[in-house]
Amino acid sequence: MSSGVWPGPEAVLITGAFLVGYLKRFGTLGAGVGSQVYIGQLLAYGASLHLADSWTAVLAVVVAAVAAIVPRVLSGPAERPVSPPVGGPLEPVSPAQRSRELRMGLQAALAAMIIVLLSDAFRLEESAWAITACTYVIGASTADTLDRVRRRILGTLVGVPLGLALLPVAAHAPLILWLAAALAMVVYAMALPERYDVACGAYAFTLMVTLAATGEHSTLLLAARAWETLIGGAIGLTAAVLVLPLRPQGDKST
């Protein structure tokens, strides 16, 4: 059934999904800015923020900037460039072609728009989770996207049940849940460069236990978020395969 109002509030995430891919043309800094814009939109959507909450958002940006910049400044020589994409280098972009980052942004935006339409038609419980999944599975090539989807599915199928298993602890020992979430985020940060499946599992686990710690104990709702995450990954993969597909360097097929 249609909700009667289109587009829904989650439609704002379409622009963030586009920027996550497109701003990668500016390197690591651009990729970080794109993700921060999307995460900000996601949090604002989840908290139902309005224009009156702008100053709170500005304060949060300042706090986040300090938290992100100070450790990097203090680490000095320990800073190293990020690893290259799993899918390998991409083919050079000719003047007749769109840039790879533009295509990645369009793929993510289109997948997000499809999810908004599905949410309007079928009232998805957690469409924002599906949009997040389709946004972040878009890789530097079609093969890379396929690999990321596979790893994300594996990680989600492991992390979500582990998180759900701790639901009985939520009411009696929320501190244990927060400690488990903190440990999982350490695992996420360590695994992300080379073990995307492990990182996705840790991230899914963290989401489950933090929601439980903040009072969300509905197994059906948490399971819906996991299921719609998988739907988002599948839609993201479909967009990557069918819409301006990217091929690794050396592949001359059309």
Protein backbone atom coordinates (compact mmCIF):
# COMPACT_ATOMS: atom_id res chain seq x y z
CA MET A 1 0.00 0.00 0.00
CA SER A 2 1.12 3.48 -0.74
CA SER A 3 1.62 5.87 2.15
CA GLY A 4 -0.06 8.66 0.17
CA VAL A 5 2.89 11.02 0.61
CA TRP A 6 5.74 10.96 -1.90
CA PRO A 7 8.58 11.27 -1.64
CA GLY A 8 8.98 10.10 1.94
CA PRO A 9 11.46 11.75 4.31
CA GLU A 10 14.09 9.13 3.46
CA ALA A 11 14.33 10.68 -0.02
CA VAL A 12 16.81 13.19 1.40
CA LEU A 13 19.30 10.31 1.58
CA ILE A 14 19.43 10.13 -2.22
CA THR A 15 21.68 13.19 -2.40
CA GLY A 16 23.94 11.81 0.32
CA ALA A 17 24.17 8.47 -1.49
CA PHE A 18 25.30 10.28 -4.64
CA LEU A 19 27.93 12.30 -2.78
CA VAL A 20 29.40 9.18 -1.13
CA GLY A 21 30.44 7.95 -4.57
CA TYR A 22 31.02 11.18 -6.45
CA LEU A 23 33.23 12.93 -3.88
CA LYS A 24 35.72 10.06 -4.06
CA ARG A 25 37.14 11.89 -7.08
CA PHE A 26 38.82 14.18 -4.52
CA GLY A 27 40.62 11.30 -2.82
CA THR A 28 40.45 10.23 0.80
CA LEU A 29 39.30 13.65 1.99
CA GLY A 30 36.45 13.72 -0.50
CA ALA A 31 35.39 10.19 0.41
CA GLY A 32 35.34 11.17 4.08
CA VAL A 33 33.31 14.31 3.43
CA GLY A 34 30.81 12.36 1.35
CA SER A 35 30.34 9.80 4.10
CA GLN A 36 30.00 12.49 6.75
CA VAL A 37 27.31 14.25 4.73
CA TYR A 38 25.42 10.97 4.33
CA ILE A 39 25.79 9.99 7.98
CA GLY A 40 24.61 13.44 9.02
CA GLN A 41 21.53 13.08 6.83
CA LEU A 42 20.93 9.60 8.20
CA LEU A 43 21.11 10.76 11.82
CA ALA A 44 18.91 13.77 11.12
CA TYR A 45 16.37 11.51 9.43
CA GLY A 46 16.42 9.04 12.31
CA ALA A 47 16.03 11.77 14.93
CA SER A 48 13.35 13.67 12.94
CA LEU A 49 15.36 16.89 13.18
CA HIS A 50 14.09 20.21 11.88
CA LEU A 51 15.60 23.59 11.00
CA ALA A 52 15.45 24.63 14.65
CA ASP A 53 17.99 21.90 15.44
CA SER A 54 20.65 23.40 13.16
CA TRP A 55 22.78 24.75 16.00
CA THR A 56 22.89 21.33 17.62
CA ALA A 57 24.08 19.88 14.32
CA VAL A 58 26.78 22.58 14.03
CA LEU A 59 28.00 21.80 17.54
CA ALA A 60 28.13 18.11 16.69
CA VAL A 61 30.22 18.91 13.60
CA VAL A 62 32.71 20.88 15.71
CA VAL A 63 33.02 18.07 18.25
CA ALA A 64 33.42 15.48 15.49
CA ALA A 65 36.06 17.58 13.73
CA VAL A 66 38.14 17.88 16.88
CA ALA A 67 37.78 14.17 17.58
CA ALA A 68 38.87 13.30 14.03
CA ILE A 69 41.67 15.83 13.51
CA VAL A 70 43.51 15.76 16.84
CA PRO A 71 44.42 12.03 16.74
CA ARG A 72 45.66 12.37 13.16
CA VAL A 73 47.84 15.34 14.07
CA LEU A 74 49.29 13.57 17.08
CA SER A 75 49.96 10.35 15.19
CA GLY A 76 52.44 12.06 12.87
CA PRO A 77 54.52 9.55 10.87
CA ALA A 78 52.09 6.77 11.76
CA GLU A 79 49.66 8.09 9.16
CA ARG A 80 49.67 5.98 6.00
CA PRO A 81 47.62 6.20 2.81
CA VAL A 82 44.67 3.85 2.52
CA SER A 83 44.94 0.59 0.62
CA PRO A 84 43.87 0.56 -3.06
CA PRO A 85 40.39 -0.75 -3.88
CA VAL A 86 39.94 -4.53 -3.90
CA GLY A 87 38.80 -4.43 -7.51
CA GLY A 88 42.10 -3.00 -8.76
CA PRO A 89 42.77 0.10 -10.85
CA LEU A 90 40.15 1.28 -13.26
CA GLU A 91 40.36 1.99 -16.96
CA PRO A 92 41.37 5.56 -17.89
CA VAL A 93 38.37 7.80 -18.42
CA SER A 94 38.12 9.15 -21.97
CA PRO A 95 36.52 12.53 -22.77
CA ALA A 96 33.48 10.67 -24.09
CA GLN A 97 32.96 8.84 -20.82
CA ARG A 98 31.67 9.97 -17.49
CA SER A 99 34.18 9.85 -14.68
CA ARG A 100 34.16 6.70 -12.60
CA GLU A 101 33.19 8.63 -9.47
CA LEU A 102 30.24 10.23 -11.22
CA ARG A 103 29.08 6.82 -12.33
CA MET A 104 29.47 5.43 -8.83
CA GLY A 105 27.43 8.33 -7.47
CA LEU A 106 24.70 7.83 -10.06
CA GLN A 107 24.55 4.10 -9.34
CA ALA A 108 24.11 4.72 -5.62
CA ALA A 109 21.58 7.51 -6.14
CA LEU A 110 19.49 5.40 -8.51
CA ALA A 111 19.52 2.44 -6.12
CA ALA A 112 18.47 4.76 -3.29
CA MET A 113 15.63 6.18 -5.40
CA ILE A 114 14.38 2.67 -6.16
CA ILE A 115 14.29 1.91 -2.44
CA VAL A 116 12.33 5.12 -1.79
CA LEU A 117 9.78 3.98 -4.40
CA LEU A 118 9.60 0.51 -2.84
CA SER A 119 9.12 2.06 0.59
CA ASP A 120 6.28 4.18 -0.73
CA ALA A 121 4.64 1.17 -2.37
CA PHE A 122 5.17 -1.45 0.34
CA ARG A 123 5.91 0.57 3.49
CA LEU A 124 9.33 -0.82 4.27
CA GLU A 125 9.95 -0.68 8.01
CA GLU A 126 13.56 0.51 7.81
CA SER A 127 14.18 1.86 4.31
CA ALA A 128 17.09 3.97 5.55
CA TRP A 129 19.01 0.80 6.32
CA ALA A 130 18.43 -0.48 2.81
CA ILE A 131 19.61 2.83 1.35
CA THR A 132 22.75 2.73 3.49
CA ALA A 133 23.51 -0.79 2.28
CA CYS A 134 23.10 0.05 -1.42
CA THR A 135 25.22 3.18 -0.98
CA TYR A 136 28.22 1.47 0.55
CA VAL A 137 28.31 -1.69 -1.53
CA ILE A 138 29.00 0.31 -4.70
CA GLY A 139 32.62 -0.41 -5.50
CA ALA A 140 35.27 0.80 -7.92
CA SER A 141 34.20 -1.78 -10.48
CA THR A 142 31.32 -4.18 -11.06
CA ALA A 143 33.47 -7.09 -9.84
CA ASP A 144 34.40 -5.10 -6.74
CA THR A 145 30.72 -4.37 -6.06
CA LEU A 146 29.84 -8.06 -6.39
CA ASP A 147 32.59 -8.96 -3.94
CA ARG A 148 31.45 -6.30 -1.47
CA VAL A 149 27.84 -7.48 -1.65
CA ARG A 150 28.90 -11.06 -0.99
CA ARG A 151 31.04 -10.01 1.95
CA ARG A 152 28.34 -7.74 3.34
CA ILE A 153 25.76 -10.53 3.22
CA LEU A 154 28.11 -12.91 5.00
CA GLY A 155 28.97 -10.34 7.65
CA THR A 156 25.32 -9.40 8.22
CA LEU A 157 24.25 -13.04 8.52
CA VAL A 158 26.83 -13.51 11.28
CA GLY A 159 26.72 -10.16 13.07
CA VAL A 160 22.94 -9.78 13.36
CA PRO A 161 22.27 -13.17 15.06
CA LEU A 162 25.12 -12.51 17.49
CA GLY A 163 23.58 -9.15 18.34
CA LEU A 164 20.11 -10.63 18.73
CA ALA A 165 21.51 -13.29 21.05
CA LEU A 166 22.48 -10.54 23.50
CA LEU A 167 18.99 -9.03 23.66
CA PRO A 168 18.18 -10.78 26.98
CA VAL A 169 21.17 -9.00 28.51
CA ALA A 170 19.90 -5.54 27.53
CA ALA A 171 17.45 -5.04 30.37
CA HIS A 172 19.82 -6.26 33.10
CA ALA A 173 23.32 -5.21 32.03
CA PRO A 174 23.30 -2.41 29.42
CA LEU A 175 26.91 -1.58 30.28
CA ILE A 176 27.98 -4.97 28.96
CA LEU A 177 26.25 -4.17 25.66
CA TRP A 178 28.05 -0.85 25.33
CA LEU A 179 31.38 -2.51 26.06
CA ALA A 180 30.62 -5.19 23.45
CA ALA A 181 29.72 -2.47 20.94
CA ALA A 182 32.97 -0.60 21.63
CA LEU A 183 35.00 -3.78 21.12
CA ALA A 184 33.11 -4.52 17.91
CA MET A 185 33.92 -1.07 16.54
CA VAL A 186 37.62 -1.69 17.22
CA VAL A 187 37.30 -4.90 15.21
CA TYR A 188 35.46 -2.96 12.50
CA ALA A 189 38.22 -0.36 12.19
CA MET A 190 40.95 -3.00 12.09
CA ALA A 191 39.20 -5.25 9.59
CA LEU A 192 37.79 -2.65 7.17
CA PRO A 193 40.80 -2.19 4.86
CA GLU A 194 41.22 -5.86 3.96
CA ARG A 195 38.38 -7.91 5.51
CA TYR A 196 35.16 -6.19 4.50
CA ASP A 197 33.10 -9.23 5.56
CA VAL A 198 34.45 -9.14 9.11
CA ALA A 199 33.97 -5.37 9.23
CA CYS A 200 30.34 -5.71 8.11
CA GLY A 201 29.72 -8.38 10.71
CA ALA A 202 31.17 -6.18 13.45
CA TYR A 203 29.16 -3.20 12.25
CA ALA A 204 25.90 -5.19 12.13
CA PHE A 205 26.58 -6.53 15.60
CA THR A 206 27.22 -3.01 16.90
CA LEU A 207 23.98 -1.71 15.45
CA MET A 208 21.99 -4.52 17.03
CA VAL A 209 23.44 -4.17 20.53
CA THR A 210 23.37 -0.36 20.61
CA LEU A 211 19.71 -0.38 19.60
CA ALA A 212 19.02 -2.90 22.35
CA ALA A 213 20.96 -0.81 24.87
CA THR A 214 18.88 2.26 24.02
CA GLY A 215 15.61 0.41 24.59
CA GLU A 216 14.77 -1.17 21.23
CA HIS A 217 14.02 -4.79 21.98
CA SER A 218 11.62 -5.71 19.18
CA THR A 219 13.06 -8.79 17.49
CA LEU A 220 10.77 -8.29 14.50
CA LEU A 221 11.99 -4.72 13.97
CA LEU A 222 15.63 -5.65 14.33
CA ALA A 223 15.18 -8.57 11.94
CA ALA A 224 13.46 -6.22 9.46
CA ARG A 225 16.52 -3.99 9.54
CA ALA A 226 18.76 -6.93 8.78
CA TRP A 227 16.49 -8.16 5.97
CA GLU A 228 16.20 -4.73 4.38
CA THR A 229 19.96 -4.33 4.56
CA LEU A 230 20.25 -7.41 2.35
CA ILE A 231 17.61 -5.99 -0.01
CA GLY A 232 19.59 -2.76 -0.27
CA GLY A 233 22.77 -4.66 -1.09
CA ALA A 234 21.00 -6.59 -3.85
CA ILE A 235 19.56 -3.40 -5.36
CA GLY A 236 22.96 -1.72 -5.21
CA LEU A 237 24.52 -4.67 -7.03
CA THR A 238 21.81 -4.55 -9.71
CA ALA A 239 22.44 -0.84 -10.27
CA ALA A 240 26.19 -1.43 -10.51
CA VAL A 241 25.70 -4.17 -13.10
CA LEU A 242 23.10 -2.43 -15.27
CA VAL A 243 23.78 1.32 -14.94
CA LEU A 244 27.05 2.61 -16.44
CA PRO A 245 28.99 -0.47 -15.28
CA LEU A 246 32.64 0.00 -14.36
CA ARG A 247 35.27 -2.49 -15.48
CA PRO A 248 38.81 -3.03 -14.22
CA GLN A 249 41.65 -1.65 -16.30
CA GLY A 250 42.53 -3.86 -19.25
CA ASP A 251 38.99 -5.09 -19.83
CA LYS A 252 38.10 -3.78 -23.27
CA SER A 253 34.71 -5.48 -23.50
CA THR A 254 31.63 -3.30 -23.77
